[in-house]
Amino acid sequence: MARPPRITLYSTRRCPHCRQLKTWLQQRGLRFQEFDIESNRRAFKAFQRLGARSVPVLLVGEQRIDGFDRQRLQRLLG
């Protein structure tokens, strides 16, 4: 059986789309690692290296999703 892809979320506490995305992932029982780019300097540097401009940024394996794109998430994660 294939291992599920690693899921990484870059977010901030104040971001409503980040909260919606976290809830969406949790409701589906998907495990993910979250990094708050406002309180974690290393996470902020990683976020910058991605060339991202806003949160949320979700990495699913090698796939990147900027924002809370339900349709793309559904296709990618089921």
C-alpha atoms as a PDB file:
ATOM      1  CA  MET A   1       0.000   0.000   0.000  1.00  0.00           C
ATOM      2  CA  ALA A   2       1.327   3.429  -0.951  1.00  0.00           C
ATOM      3  CA  ARG A   3       2.214   5.809   1.825  1.00  0.00           C
ATOM      4  CA  PRO A   4       0.074   8.958   1.977  1.00  0.00           C
ATOM      5  CA  PRO A   5       1.879  12.097   0.807  1.00  0.00           C
ATOM      6  CA  ARG A   6       3.413  14.414   3.390  1.00  0.00           C
ATOM      7  CA  ILE A   7       1.136  17.422   3.948  1.00  0.00           C
ATOM      8  CA  THR A   8       2.634  20.722   5.131  1.00  0.00           C
ATOM      9  CA  LEU A   9       0.605  23.859   5.830  1.00  0.00           C
ATOM     10  CA  TYR A  10       2.065  27.362   6.099  1.00  0.00           C
ATOM     11  CA  SER A  11      -0.400  29.616   7.889  1.00  0.00           C
ATOM     12  CA  THR A  12      -1.020  32.398  10.396  1.00  0.00           C
ATOM     13  CA  ARG A  13      -3.391  32.444  13.343  1.00  0.00           C
ATOM     14  CA  ARG A  14      -5.370  35.413  12.020  1.00  0.00           C
ATOM     15  CA  CYS A  15      -6.017  33.973   8.553  1.00  0.00           C
ATOM     16  CA  PRO A  16      -9.642  32.821   8.080  1.00  0.00           C
ATOM     17  CA  HIS A  17      -8.759  30.768   4.973  1.00  0.00           C
ATOM     18  CA  CYS A  18      -6.051  28.984   6.964  1.00  0.00           C
ATOM     19  CA  ARG A  19      -8.605  28.027   9.625  1.00  0.00           C
ATOM     20  CA  GLN A  20     -11.034  26.779   6.961  1.00  0.00           C
ATOM     21  CA  LEU A  21      -8.310  24.701   5.329  1.00  0.00           C
ATOM     22  CA  LYS A  22      -7.235  23.198   8.676  1.00  0.00           C
ATOM     23  CA  THR A  23     -10.848  22.275   9.441  1.00  0.00           C
ATOM     24  CA  TRP A  24     -11.245  20.720   5.967  1.00  0.00           C
ATOM     25  CA  LEU A  25      -8.127  18.585   6.480  1.00  0.00           C
ATOM     26  CA  GLN A  26      -9.129  17.575  10.020  1.00  0.00           C
ATOM     27  CA  GLN A  27     -12.666  16.609   8.976  1.00  0.00           C
ATOM     28  CA  ARG A  28     -11.145  14.186   6.476  1.00  0.00           C
ATOM     29  CA  GLY A  29      -8.783  12.713   9.049  1.00  0.00           C
ATOM     30  CA  LEU A  30      -5.732  13.889   7.127  1.00  0.00           C
ATOM     31  CA  ARG A  31      -2.546  14.334   9.109  1.00  0.00           C
ATOM     32  CA  PHE A  32      -0.552  17.471   8.395  1.00  0.00           C
ATOM     33  CA  GLN A  33       2.242  19.548   9.820  1.00  0.00           C
ATOM     34  CA  GLU A  34       1.449  23.215  10.348  1.00  0.00           C
ATOM     35  CA  PHE A  35       3.905  26.091  10.490  1.00  0.00           C
ATOM     36  CA  ASP A  36       2.835  29.556  11.659  1.00  0.00           C
ATOM     37  CA  ILE A  37       4.960  31.948   9.622  1.00  0.00           C
ATOM     38  CA  GLU A  38       4.373  34.822  12.075  1.00  0.00           C
ATOM     39  CA  SER A  39       5.654  33.032  15.168  1.00  0.00           C
ATOM     40  CA  ASN A  40       8.221  30.659  13.632  1.00  0.00           C
ATOM     41  CA  ARG A  41      11.226  32.323  11.994  1.00  0.00           C
ATOM     42  CA  ARG A  42      12.398  29.123  10.275  1.00  0.00           C
ATOM     43  CA  ALA A  43       8.915  28.575   8.864  1.00  0.00           C
ATOM     44  CA  PHE A  44       8.885  32.147   7.559  1.00  0.00           C
ATOM     45  CA  LYS A  45      12.242  31.587   5.825  1.00  0.00           C
ATOM     46  CA  ALA A  46      10.945  28.354   4.245  1.00  0.00           C
ATOM     47  CA  PHE A  47       7.797  30.214   3.159  1.00  0.00           C
ATOM     48  CA  GLN A  48       9.969  32.904   1.539  1.00  0.00           C
ATOM     49  CA  ARG A  49      12.080  30.280  -0.260  1.00  0.00           C
ATOM     50  CA  LEU A  50       8.861  28.976  -1.819  1.00  0.00           C
ATOM     51  CA  GLY A  51       8.292  32.430  -3.289  1.00  0.00           C
ATOM     52  CA  ALA A  52       4.882  32.515  -1.623  1.00  0.00           C
ATOM     53  CA  ARG A  53       3.120  35.829  -1.138  1.00  0.00           C
ATOM     54  CA  SER A  54       0.171  34.924   1.075  1.00  0.00           C
ATOM     55  CA  VAL A  55      -1.183  32.147   3.266  1.00  0.00           C
ATOM     56  CA  PRO A  56      -2.374  29.477   3.315  1.00  0.00           C
ATOM     57  CA  VAL A  57       0.199  27.541   1.312  1.00  0.00           C
ATOM     58  CA  LEU A  58      -0.277  23.786   1.323  1.00  0.00           C
ATOM     59  CA  LEU A  59       2.321  21.306   0.139  1.00  0.00           C
ATOM     60  CA  VAL A  60       1.025  17.828  -0.623  1.00  0.00           C
ATOM     61  CA  GLY A  61       4.073  15.805  -1.510  1.00  0.00           C
ATOM     62  CA  GLU A  62       5.532  17.773  -4.424  1.00  0.00           C
ATOM     63  CA  GLN A  63       2.246  19.561  -5.231  1.00  0.00           C
ATOM     64  CA  ARG A  64       1.692  23.119  -4.012  1.00  0.00           C
ATOM     65  CA  ILE A  65      -1.677  24.769  -3.493  1.00  0.00           C
ATOM     66  CA  ASP A  66      -1.884  28.482  -2.706  1.00  0.00           C
ATOM     67  CA  GLY A  67      -5.072  29.500  -0.937  1.00  0.00           C
ATOM     68  CA  PHE A  68      -7.998  27.293  -0.007  1.00  0.00           C
ATOM     69  CA  ASP A  69      -8.921  25.712  -3.339  1.00  0.00           C
ATOM     70  CA  ARG A  70     -11.559  23.098  -2.424  1.00  0.00           C
ATOM     71  CA  GLN A  71     -11.859  21.633  -5.924  1.00  0.00           C
ATOM     72  CA  ARG A  72      -8.130  21.117  -6.334  1.00  0.00           C
ATOM     73  CA  LEU A  73      -7.849  19.697  -2.810  1.00  0.00           C
ATOM     74  CA  GLN A  74     -10.694  17.289  -3.525  1.00  0.00           C
ATOM     75  CA  ARG A  75      -8.959  16.044  -6.685  1.00  0.00           C
ATOM     76  CA  LEU A  76      -5.604  15.737  -4.955  1.00  0.00           C
ATOM     77  CA  LEU A  77      -6.664  14.303  -1.609  1.00  0.00           C
ATOM     78  CA  GLY A  78     -10.107  12.868  -2.251  1.00  0.00           C
END
